[in-house]
Amino acid sequence: MPPLMPHPFGKSQHQQLAQIQGVCLDIDDTLSTEGQLTAEAYGALWKLKEAGFYVVPITGRPAGWCDLIARFWPVDAVVGENGAFTFFVDQSGSDAHTVKRRLDTPKGDSDSVLQQKLKDLGKEIQILFPQSRPASDQAYREFDLAIDICEDVSPWPEDEVQRLLQFCRDRGAHAKLSSIHVNVWFGDYDKKKGFDHWLSQAQNRSAPPIESWLYIGDSPNDEPLFATFKYSVGVSNLKKYFDRLQFFPTWITQRECGAGFVEMAERLIESRLRGRGA
């Protein structure tokens, strides 16, 4: 049976959307647009929080960025480096501070071993793909190697991107394609497992169950979340990856990138207000 294609988000039912209590989101080319976080998209984050939604970005971006996001954005937590850890602000004591929780990896390799394997693989990539460059934020990463395929470099040919993905997988690494990077890591985790880990922590007992969350993303590395969330949305630019997806989101927005995120947030907030009889 062929996979179910997403429905237009504009035709989603308000009664169904009113069941959603939390929003998980990718950042690059889902919240952002051409490398920029627009006022409208950032404002939509605030509007979601002010309307009473839980908000958790789930991103491939590095630990250094995630600490800042947890501190300064209107979010409850952030899952970083494709699920390697979560950051959140602990306000239980006299002074608020950010906490990083590493996702346990059951295969038994220590963090130092995983990091060394990643460094060794990076050297192999540089030899086989001499045009490759690490992402500009690589210095702030702990467990992820990000190869820039179009963010600050000329776009790679599609066959070279696929060759890089396969090379990394042949070396036993996880390799996922985002809209701007090829992300590579060792360890038994992904974006979905990272979110599950955060949701399972004792301090999150008041958070809604996963059945009440929506996920919104834009690229193949969001597929584990499209596959498992009851409610999921792709911004319109996801369409260019349709030919390589096995699992699709429930809905697709009319607009791309940050504008698609705003489209989602506005309809979600409208549905909540209707459900309350406002």
C-alpha atoms as a PDB file:
ATOM      1  CA  MET A   1       0.000   0.000   0.000  1.00  0.00           C
ATOM      2  CA  PRO A   2       1.489   3.406  -0.967  1.00  0.00           C
ATOM      3  CA  PRO A   3       2.089   5.881   1.885  1.00  0.00           C
ATOM      4  CA  LEU A   4      -0.670   8.348   2.662  1.00  0.00           C
ATOM      5  CA  MET A   5       0.071  11.768   1.220  1.00  0.00           C
ATOM      6  CA  PRO A   6      -0.456  14.793   3.489  1.00  0.00           C
ATOM      7  CA  HIS A   7      -3.682  16.771   3.370  1.00  0.00           C
ATOM      8  CA  PRO A   8      -3.725  20.579   2.997  1.00  0.00           C
ATOM      9  CA  PHE A   9      -3.406  22.077   6.464  1.00  0.00           C
ATOM     10  CA  GLY A  10      -5.987  24.704   5.584  1.00  0.00           C
ATOM     11  CA  LYS A  11      -8.590  21.914   5.464  1.00  0.00           C
ATOM     12  CA  SER A  12      -7.752  20.513   8.898  1.00  0.00           C
ATOM     13  CA  GLN A  13     -10.676  20.299  11.312  1.00  0.00           C
ATOM     14  CA  HIS A  14     -10.759  22.805  14.185  1.00  0.00           C
ATOM     15  CA  GLN A  15     -12.300  20.185  16.450  1.00  0.00           C
ATOM     16  CA  GLN A  16      -9.320  17.883  15.849  1.00  0.00           C
ATOM     17  CA  LEU A  17      -6.718  20.623  16.261  1.00  0.00           C
ATOM     18  CA  ALA A  18      -8.318  21.691  19.537  1.00  0.00           C
ATOM     19  CA  GLN A  19      -7.000  18.434  21.063  1.00  0.00           C
ATOM     20  CA  ILE A  20      -3.389  19.562  20.615  1.00  0.00           C
ATOM     21  CA  GLN A  21      -1.617  20.914  23.701  1.00  0.00           C
ATOM     22  CA  GLY A  22       2.040  20.966  22.670  1.00  0.00           C
ATOM     23  CA  VAL A  23       4.068  21.873  19.577  1.00  0.00           C
ATOM     24  CA  CYS A  24       7.427  20.362  18.613  1.00  0.00           C
ATOM     25  CA  LEU A  25       9.236  22.051  15.750  1.00  0.00           C
ATOM     26  CA  ASP A  26      12.286  21.829  13.586  1.00  0.00           C
ATOM     27  CA  ILE A  27      14.181  25.127  13.248  1.00  0.00           C
ATOM     28  CA  ASP A  28      16.046  25.437   9.939  1.00  0.00           C
ATOM     29  CA  ASP A  29      13.691  26.129   7.027  1.00  0.00           C
ATOM     30  CA  THR A  30      10.717  25.301   9.265  1.00  0.00           C
ATOM     31  CA  LEU A  31      10.851  28.206  11.692  1.00  0.00           C
ATOM     32  CA  SER A  32      13.562  30.099   9.808  1.00  0.00           C
ATOM     33  CA  THR A  33      13.499  31.373   6.224  1.00  0.00           C
ATOM     34  CA  GLU A  34      16.669  31.527   4.121  1.00  0.00           C
ATOM     35  CA  GLY A  35      18.805  31.501   7.258  1.00  0.00           C
ATOM     36  CA  GLN A  36      16.842  34.220   9.025  1.00  0.00           C
ATOM     37  CA  LEU A  37      14.378  34.098  11.917  1.00  0.00           C
ATOM     38  CA  THR A  38      11.687  36.530  10.823  1.00  0.00           C
ATOM     39  CA  ALA A  39       9.758  38.728  13.228  1.00  0.00           C
ATOM     40  CA  GLU A  40       6.535  36.983  12.189  1.00  0.00           C
ATOM     41  CA  ALA A  41       7.898  33.478  12.887  1.00  0.00           C
ATOM     42  CA  TYR A  42       9.449  34.423  16.219  1.00  0.00           C
ATOM     43  CA  GLY A  43       6.243  36.218  17.134  1.00  0.00           C
ATOM     44  CA  ALA A  44       4.301  33.033  16.355  1.00  0.00           C
ATOM     45  CA  LEU A  45       6.399  31.196  18.960  1.00  0.00           C
ATOM     46  CA  TRP A  46       5.412  33.771  21.564  1.00  0.00           C
ATOM     47  CA  LYS A  47       1.763  33.584  20.547  1.00  0.00           C
ATOM     48  CA  LEU A  48       1.782  29.795  20.964  1.00  0.00           C
ATOM     49  CA  LYS A  49       3.256  30.097  24.482  1.00  0.00           C
ATOM     50  CA  GLU A  50       0.866  32.880  25.435  1.00  0.00           C
ATOM     51  CA  ALA A  51      -2.052  30.741  24.208  1.00  0.00           C
ATOM     52  CA  GLY A  52      -0.998  28.008  26.648  1.00  0.00           C
ATOM     53  CA  PHE A  53       0.836  25.547  24.372  1.00  0.00           C
ATOM     54  CA  TYR A  54       3.964  23.681  25.374  1.00  0.00           C
ATOM     55  CA  VAL A  55       6.720  24.470  22.840  1.00  0.00           C
ATOM     56  CA  VAL A  56       9.828  22.315  22.237  1.00  0.00           C
ATOM     57  CA  PRO A  57      12.189  22.803  19.262  1.00  0.00           C
ATOM     58  CA  ILE A  58      13.828  19.569  18.068  1.00  0.00           C
ATOM     59  CA  THR A  59      16.831  20.447  15.945  1.00  0.00           C
ATOM     60  CA  GLY A  60      20.119  19.330  14.478  1.00  0.00           C
ATOM     61  CA  ARG A  61      21.731  22.528  15.735  1.00  0.00           C
ATOM     62  CA  PRO A  62      24.581  22.372  18.273  1.00  0.00           C
ATOM     63  CA  ALA A  63      24.794  22.394  22.051  1.00  0.00           C
ATOM     64  CA  GLY A  64      26.013  25.996  22.114  1.00  0.00           C
ATOM     65  CA  TRP A  65      22.936  27.189  20.256  1.00  0.00           C
ATOM     66  CA  CYS A  66      20.614  25.052  22.374  1.00  0.00           C
ATOM     67  CA  ASP A  67      21.788  26.637  25.614  1.00  0.00           C
ATOM     68  CA  LEU A  68      20.910  30.064  24.218  1.00  0.00           C
ATOM     69  CA  ILE A  69      17.551  28.874  22.821  1.00  0.00           C
ATOM     70  CA  ALA A  70      16.538  27.369  26.170  1.00  0.00           C
ATOM     71  CA  ARG A  71      17.449  30.604  27.963  1.00  0.00           C
ATOM     72  CA  PHE A  72      16.041  33.242  25.617  1.00  0.00           C
ATOM     73  CA  TRP A  73      13.301  31.754  23.455  1.00  0.00           C
ATOM     74  CA  PRO A  74       9.712  31.172  24.624  1.00  0.00           C
ATOM     75  CA  VAL A  75      10.174  27.395  24.867  1.00  0.00           C
ATOM     76  CA  ASP A  76       9.883  24.704  27.531  1.00  0.00           C
ATOM     77  CA  ALA A  77      12.981  22.855  26.349  1.00  0.00           C
ATOM     78  CA  VAL A  78      15.057  22.224  23.236  1.00  0.00           C
ATOM     79  CA  VAL A  79      16.278  18.874  21.893  1.00  0.00           C
ATOM     80  CA  GLY A  80      19.600  19.314  20.113  1.00  0.00           C
ATOM     81  CA  GLU A  81      22.036  17.596  17.764  1.00  0.00           C
ATOM     82  CA  ASN A  82      19.290  15.320  16.427  1.00  0.00           C
ATOM     83  CA  GLY A  83      18.391  13.917  19.842  1.00  0.00           C
ATOM     84  CA  ALA A  84      21.749  13.713  21.647  1.00  0.00           C
ATOM     85  CA  PHE A  85      20.563  15.836  24.589  1.00  0.00           C
ATOM     86  CA  THR A  86      17.960  18.275  25.870  1.00  0.00           C
ATOM     87  CA  PHE A  87      18.352  21.711  27.433  1.00  0.00           C
ATOM     88  CA  PHE A  88      15.775  23.318  29.674  1.00  0.00           C
ATOM     89  CA  VAL A  89      15.694  26.043  32.314  1.00  0.00           C
ATOM     90  CA  ASP A  90      15.428  24.723  35.872  1.00  0.00           C
ATOM     91  CA  GLN A  91      13.427  27.207  37.915  1.00  0.00           C
ATOM     92  CA  SER A  92      12.893  24.979  40.945  1.00  0.00           C
ATOM     93  CA  GLY A  93      15.598  26.621  43.063  1.00  0.00           C
ATOM     94  CA  SER A  94      16.360  30.158  44.123  1.00  0.00           C
ATOM     95  CA  ASP A  95      18.097  30.960  40.834  1.00  0.00           C
ATOM     96  CA  ALA A  96      17.075  29.774  37.367  1.00  0.00           C
ATOM     97  CA  HIS A  97      19.737  28.024  35.286  1.00  0.00           C
ATOM     98  CA  THR A  98      19.931  25.861  32.197  1.00  0.00           C
ATOM     99  CA  VAL A  99      20.296  22.108  32.540  1.00  0.00           C
ATOM    100  CA  LYS A 100      21.603  19.751  29.870  1.00  0.00           C
ATOM    101  CA  ARG A 101      20.422  16.156  29.949  1.00  0.00           C
ATOM    102  CA  ARG A 102      22.351  13.697  27.808  1.00  0.00           C
ATOM    103  CA  LEU A 103      20.315  10.938  26.200  1.00  0.00           C
ATOM    104  CA  ASP A 104      21.539   7.547  27.436  1.00  0.00           C
ATOM    105  CA  THR A 105      22.996   5.346  24.701  1.00  0.00           C
ATOM    106  CA  PRO A 106      22.363   1.661  25.530  1.00  0.00           C
ATOM    107  CA  LYS A 107      25.106   0.328  23.263  1.00  0.00           C
ATOM    108  CA  GLY A 108      27.649   1.130  25.956  1.00  0.00           C
ATOM    109  CA  ASP A 109      30.189   3.373  24.179  1.00  0.00           C
ATOM    110  CA  SER A 110      31.325   6.292  26.313  1.00  0.00           C
ATOM    111  CA  ASP A 111      30.894   9.841  25.040  1.00  0.00           C
ATOM    112  CA  SER A 112      34.636  10.128  24.516  1.00  0.00           C
ATOM    113  CA  VAL A 113      34.650   6.991  22.362  1.00  0.00           C
ATOM    114  CA  LEU A 114      31.744   8.268  20.273  1.00  0.00           C
ATOM    115  CA  GLN A 115      33.418  11.637  19.832  1.00  0.00           C
ATOM    116  CA  GLN A 116      36.697  10.037  18.747  1.00  0.00           C
ATOM    117  CA  LYS A 117      34.916   7.829  16.222  1.00  0.00           C
ATOM    118  CA  LEU A 118      33.293  10.952  14.818  1.00  0.00           C
ATOM    119  CA  LYS A 119      36.637  12.746  14.520  1.00  0.00           C
ATOM    120  CA  ASP A 120      38.145   9.754  12.712  1.00  0.00           C
ATOM    121  CA  LEU A 121      35.204   9.621  10.323  1.00  0.00           C
ATOM    122  CA  GLY A 122      35.553  13.343   9.680  1.00  0.00           C
ATOM    123  CA  LYS A 123      39.137  12.805   8.529  1.00  0.00           C
ATOM    124  CA  GLU A 124      37.995  10.070   6.130  1.00  0.00           C
ATOM    125  CA  ILE A 125      35.273  12.339   4.734  1.00  0.00           C
ATOM    126  CA  GLN A 126      37.797  15.114   4.100  1.00  0.00           C
ATOM    127  CA  ILE A 127      39.975  12.727   2.060  1.00  0.00           C
ATOM    128  CA  LEU A 128      37.166  11.193   0.023  1.00  0.00           C
ATOM    129  CA  PHE A 129      35.213  14.444  -0.366  1.00  0.00           C
ATOM    130  CA  PRO A 130      37.896  17.163  -0.571  1.00  0.00           C
ATOM    131  CA  GLN A 131      35.253  19.812  -1.294  1.00  0.00           C
ATOM    132  CA  SER A 132      33.535  19.121   2.041  1.00  0.00           C
ATOM    133  CA  ARG A 133      33.435  21.753   4.757  1.00  0.00           C
ATOM    134  CA  PRO A 134      32.087  21.434   8.296  1.00  0.00           C
ATOM    135  CA  ALA A 135      29.100  23.601   9.130  1.00  0.00           C
ATOM    136  CA  SER A 136      29.949  27.053  10.474  1.00  0.00           C
ATOM    137  CA  ASP A 137      28.525  26.037  13.864  1.00  0.00           C
ATOM    138  CA  GLN A 138      30.639  22.856  14.147  1.00  0.00           C
ATOM    139  CA  ALA A 139      32.775  24.357  16.926  1.00  0.00           C
ATOM    140  CA  TYR A 140      29.716  24.379  19.193  1.00  0.00           C
ATOM    141  CA  ARG A 141      28.771  20.723  18.571  1.00  0.00           C
ATOM    142  CA  GLU A 142      29.542  17.881  20.956  1.00  0.00           C
ATOM    143  CA  PHE A 143      28.204  14.662  19.402  1.00  0.00           C
ATOM    144  CA  ASP A 144      27.380  15.557  15.802  1.00  0.00           C
ATOM    145  CA  LEU A 145      29.386  16.208  12.654  1.00  0.00           C
ATOM    146  CA  ALA A 146      27.558  18.541  10.282  1.00  0.00           C
ATOM    147  CA  ILE A 147      28.775  18.777   6.687  1.00  0.00           C
ATOM    148  CA  ASP A 148      27.575  21.935   4.973  1.00  0.00           C
ATOM    149  CA  ILE A 149      25.866  21.138   1.661  1.00  0.00           C
ATOM    150  CA  CYS A 150      24.302  24.539   0.921  1.00  0.00           C
ATOM    151  CA  GLU A 151      24.141  26.859   3.952  1.00  0.00           C
ATOM    152  CA  ASP A 152      27.424  28.744   3.458  1.00  0.00           C
ATOM    153  CA  VAL A 153      28.781  26.847   0.438  1.00  0.00           C
ATOM    154  CA  SER A 154      27.642  26.300  -3.129  1.00  0.00           C
ATOM    155  CA  PRO A 155      24.933  23.621  -3.221  1.00  0.00           C
ATOM    156  CA  TRP A 156      26.277  20.108  -3.607  1.00  0.00           C
ATOM    157  CA  PRO A 157      25.113  17.986  -6.547  1.00  0.00           C
ATOM    158  CA  GLU A 158      22.429  15.520  -5.470  1.00  0.00           C
ATOM    159  CA  ASP A 159      24.537  12.470  -6.374  1.00  0.00           C
ATOM    160  CA  GLU A 160      27.383  13.705  -4.143  1.00  0.00           C
ATOM    161  CA  VAL A 161      24.999  14.232  -1.234  1.00  0.00           C
ATOM    162  CA  GLN A 162      23.722  10.677  -1.618  1.00  0.00           C
ATOM    163  CA  ARG A 163      27.267   9.327  -1.903  1.00  0.00           C
ATOM    164  CA  LEU A 164      28.228  11.078   1.349  1.00  0.00           C
ATOM    165  CA  LEU A 165      25.152   9.739   3.157  1.00  0.00           C
ATOM    166  CA  GLN A 166      25.898   6.186   2.027  1.00  0.00           C
ATOM    167  CA  PHE A 167      29.600   6.429   2.877  1.00  0.00           C
ATOM    168  CA  CYS A 168      28.801   7.464   6.459  1.00  0.00           C
ATOM    169  CA  ARG A 169      26.208   4.710   6.861  1.00  0.00           C
ATOM    170  CA  ASP A 170      28.678   2.152   5.540  1.00  0.00           C
ATOM    171  CA  ARG A 171      31.004   3.226   8.369  1.00  0.00           C
ATOM    172  CA  GLY A 172      28.306   2.429  10.933  1.00  0.00           C
ATOM    173  CA  ALA A 173      27.234   6.004  11.575  1.00  0.00           C
ATOM    174  CA  HIS A 174      23.808   7.560  11.459  1.00  0.00           C
ATOM    175  CA  ALA A 175      23.575  10.020   8.575  1.00  0.00           C
ATOM    176  CA  LYS A 176      20.557  12.241   8.002  1.00  0.00           C
ATOM    177  CA  LEU A 177      19.833  14.918   5.446  1.00  0.00           C
ATOM    178  CA  SER A 178      18.492  18.270   6.607  1.00  0.00           C
ATOM    179  CA  SER A 179      17.710  21.213   4.352  1.00  0.00           C
ATOM    180  CA  ILE A 180      21.254  22.587   4.804  1.00  0.00           C
ATOM    181  CA  HIS A 181      23.518  19.874   6.262  1.00  0.00           C
ATOM    182  CA  VAL A 182      24.324  16.212   6.279  1.00  0.00           C
ATOM    183  CA  ASN A 183      24.321  15.366   9.993  1.00  0.00           C
ATOM    184  CA  VAL A 184      26.423  12.400  11.111  1.00  0.00           C
ATOM    185  CA  TRP A 185      26.653  10.797  14.552  1.00  0.00           C
ATOM    186  CA  PHE A 186      27.373   7.607  16.446  1.00  0.00           C
ATOM    187  CA  GLY A 187      24.939   6.551  19.169  1.00  0.00           C
ATOM    188  CA  ASP A 188      21.520   4.986  19.414  1.00  0.00           C
ATOM    189  CA  TYR A 189      19.279   8.049  19.228  1.00  0.00           C
ATOM    190  CA  ASP A 190      17.364  10.299  16.849  1.00  0.00           C
ATOM    191  CA  LYS A 191      15.051  13.302  17.133  1.00  0.00           C
ATOM    192  CA  LYS A 192      12.102  11.229  18.329  1.00  0.00           C
ATOM    193  CA  LYS A 193      14.091   9.422  21.029  1.00  0.00           C
ATOM    194  CA  GLY A 194      15.480  12.742  22.219  1.00  0.00           C
ATOM    195  CA  PHE A 195      11.987  14.147  22.671  1.00  0.00           C
ATOM    196  CA  ASP A 196      10.747  10.976  24.381  1.00  0.00           C
ATOM    197  CA  HIS A 197      13.663  11.240  26.811  1.00  0.00           C
ATOM    198  CA  TRP A 198      12.732  14.813  27.745  1.00  0.00           C
ATOM    199  CA  LEU A 199       9.054  13.938  28.100  1.00  0.00           C
ATOM    200  CA  SER A 200       9.871  11.035  30.434  1.00  0.00           C
ATOM    201  CA  GLN A 201      11.777  13.151  32.970  1.00  0.00           C
ATOM    202  CA  ALA A 202      10.208  13.643  36.389  1.00  0.00           C
ATOM    203  CA  GLN A 203      10.099  17.430  36.122  1.00  0.00           C
ATOM    204  CA  ASN A 204       7.791  17.103  33.100  1.00  0.00           C
ATOM    205  CA  ARG A 205       4.957  15.233  34.799  1.00  0.00           C
ATOM    206  CA  SER A 206       2.606  18.115  34.033  1.00  0.00           C
ATOM    207  CA  ALA A 207       3.401  18.035  30.308  1.00  0.00           C
ATOM    208  CA  PRO A 208       0.696  16.564  28.063  1.00  0.00           C
ATOM    209  CA  PRO A 209       1.075  12.991  26.751  1.00  0.00           C
ATOM    210  CA  ILE A 210       2.677  12.578  23.354  1.00  0.00           C
ATOM    211  CA  GLU A 211      -0.733  11.909  21.777  1.00  0.00           C
ATOM    212  CA  SER A 212      -1.538  15.590  22.384  1.00  0.00           C
ATOM    213  CA  TRP A 213       1.534  17.004  20.613  1.00  0.00           C
ATOM    214  CA  LEU A 214       1.983  18.209  17.044  1.00  0.00           C
ATOM    215  CA  TYR A 215       5.284  18.116  15.163  1.00  0.00           C
ATOM    216  CA  ILE A 216       6.183  20.428  12.271  1.00  0.00           C
ATOM    217  CA  GLY A 217       9.225  19.985  10.022  1.00  0.00           C
ATOM    218  CA  ASP A 218      10.645  20.352   6.535  1.00  0.00           C
ATOM    219  CA  SER A 219      13.155  17.639   5.583  1.00  0.00           C
ATOM    220  CA  PRO A 220      14.026  13.904   5.601  1.00  0.00           C
ATOM    221  CA  ASN A 221      15.590  14.027   9.071  1.00  0.00           C
ATOM    222  CA  ASP A 222      12.092  14.811  10.402  1.00  0.00           C
ATOM    223  CA  GLU A 223      10.747  11.502   9.110  1.00  0.00           C
ATOM    224  CA  PRO A 224      10.977   9.629  12.479  1.00  0.00           C
ATOM    225  CA  LEU A 225       8.655  12.270  13.913  1.00  0.00           C
ATOM    226  CA  PHE A 226       6.244  12.246  10.981  1.00  0.00           C
ATOM    227  CA  ALA A 227       6.066   8.478  11.430  1.00  0.00           C
ATOM    228  CA  THR A 228       5.198   8.462  15.120  1.00  0.00           C
ATOM    229  CA  PHE A 229       3.368  11.677  16.051  1.00  0.00           C
ATOM    230  CA  LYS A 230      -0.410  11.453  15.859  1.00  0.00           C
ATOM    231  CA  TYR A 231      -0.471  15.015  14.490  1.00  0.00           C
ATOM    232  CA  SER A 232       2.254  16.297  12.172  1.00  0.00           C
ATOM    233  CA  VAL A 233       2.705  19.085   9.645  1.00  0.00           C
ATOM    234  CA  GLY A 234       5.176  19.682   6.857  1.00  0.00           C
ATOM    235  CA  VAL A 235       5.854  23.209   5.678  1.00  0.00           C
ATOM    236  CA  SER A 236       5.376  23.467   1.928  1.00  0.00           C
ATOM    237  CA  ASN A 237       9.090  23.235   1.083  1.00  0.00           C
ATOM    238  CA  LEU A 238       8.990  19.601   2.265  1.00  0.00           C
ATOM    239  CA  LYS A 239       7.423  18.768  -1.100  1.00  0.00           C
ATOM    240  CA  LYS A 240      10.830  18.691  -2.801  1.00  0.00           C
ATOM    241  CA  TYR A 241      11.696  15.621  -0.687  1.00  0.00           C
ATOM    242  CA  PHE A 242       8.462  13.703  -1.293  1.00  0.00           C
ATOM    243  CA  ASP A 243      10.162  11.256  -3.652  1.00  0.00           C
ATOM    244  CA  ARG A 244      12.479  10.020  -0.881  1.00  0.00           C
ATOM    245  CA  LEU A 245      10.068   9.862   2.069  1.00  0.00           C
ATOM    246  CA  GLN A 246       8.448   6.680   3.338  1.00  0.00           C
ATOM    247  CA  PHE A 247       6.472   8.474   6.043  1.00  0.00           C
ATOM    248  CA  PHE A 248       4.599  11.704   5.434  1.00  0.00           C
ATOM    249  CA  PRO A 249       3.131  14.270   7.820  1.00  0.00           C
ATOM    250  CA  THR A 250      -0.607  14.430   8.380  1.00  0.00           C
ATOM    251  CA  TRP A 251      -0.854  17.865   6.765  1.00  0.00           C
ATOM    252  CA  ILE A 252       1.135  20.212   4.526  1.00  0.00           C
ATOM    253  CA  THR A 253       0.997  23.988   4.727  1.00  0.00           C
ATOM    254  CA  GLN A 254       0.348  26.253   1.770  1.00  0.00           C
ATOM    255  CA  ARG A 255       3.319  28.484   2.539  1.00  0.00           C
ATOM    256  CA  GLU A 256       6.999  27.636   2.902  1.00  0.00           C
ATOM    257  CA  CYS A 257       9.485  27.854   5.776  1.00  0.00           C
ATOM    258  CA  GLY A 258       8.722  30.414   8.500  1.00  0.00           C
ATOM    259  CA  ALA A 259       5.573  31.595   6.756  1.00  0.00           C
ATOM    260  CA  GLY A 260       4.304  28.002   6.850  1.00  0.00           C
ATOM    261  CA  PHE A 261       5.083  27.864  10.575  1.00  0.00           C
ATOM    262  CA  VAL A 262       3.067  31.051  11.104  1.00  0.00           C
ATOM    263  CA  GLU A 263       0.217  29.506   9.090  1.00  0.00           C
ATOM    264  CA  MET A 264       0.253  26.472  11.378  1.00  0.00           C
ATOM    265  CA  ALA A 265       0.428  28.514  14.598  1.00  0.00           C
ATOM    266  CA  GLU A 266      -2.417  30.822  13.639  1.00  0.00           C
ATOM    267  CA  ARG A 267      -4.786  27.978  12.807  1.00  0.00           C
ATOM    268  CA  LEU A 268      -3.809  26.041  15.926  1.00  0.00           C
ATOM    269  CA  ILE A 269      -4.463  29.055  18.171  1.00  0.00           C
ATOM    270  CA  GLU A 270      -7.766  29.739  16.387  1.00  0.00           C
ATOM    271  CA  SER A 271      -8.829  26.133  16.990  1.00  0.00           C
ATOM    272  CA  ARG A 272      -8.007  26.391  20.694  1.00  0.00           C
ATOM    273  CA  LEU A 273     -10.025  29.601  21.043  1.00  0.00           C
ATOM    274  CA  ARG A 274     -12.992  28.005  19.252  1.00  0.00           C
ATOM    275  CA  GLY A 275     -12.749  24.988  21.530  1.00  0.00           C
ATOM    276  CA  ARG A 276     -12.977  27.303  24.539  1.00  0.00           C
ATOM    277  CA  GLY A 277     -15.939  29.115  23.027  1.00  0.00           C
ATOM    278  CA  ALA A 278     -14.024  32.376  22.661  1.00  0.00           C
END
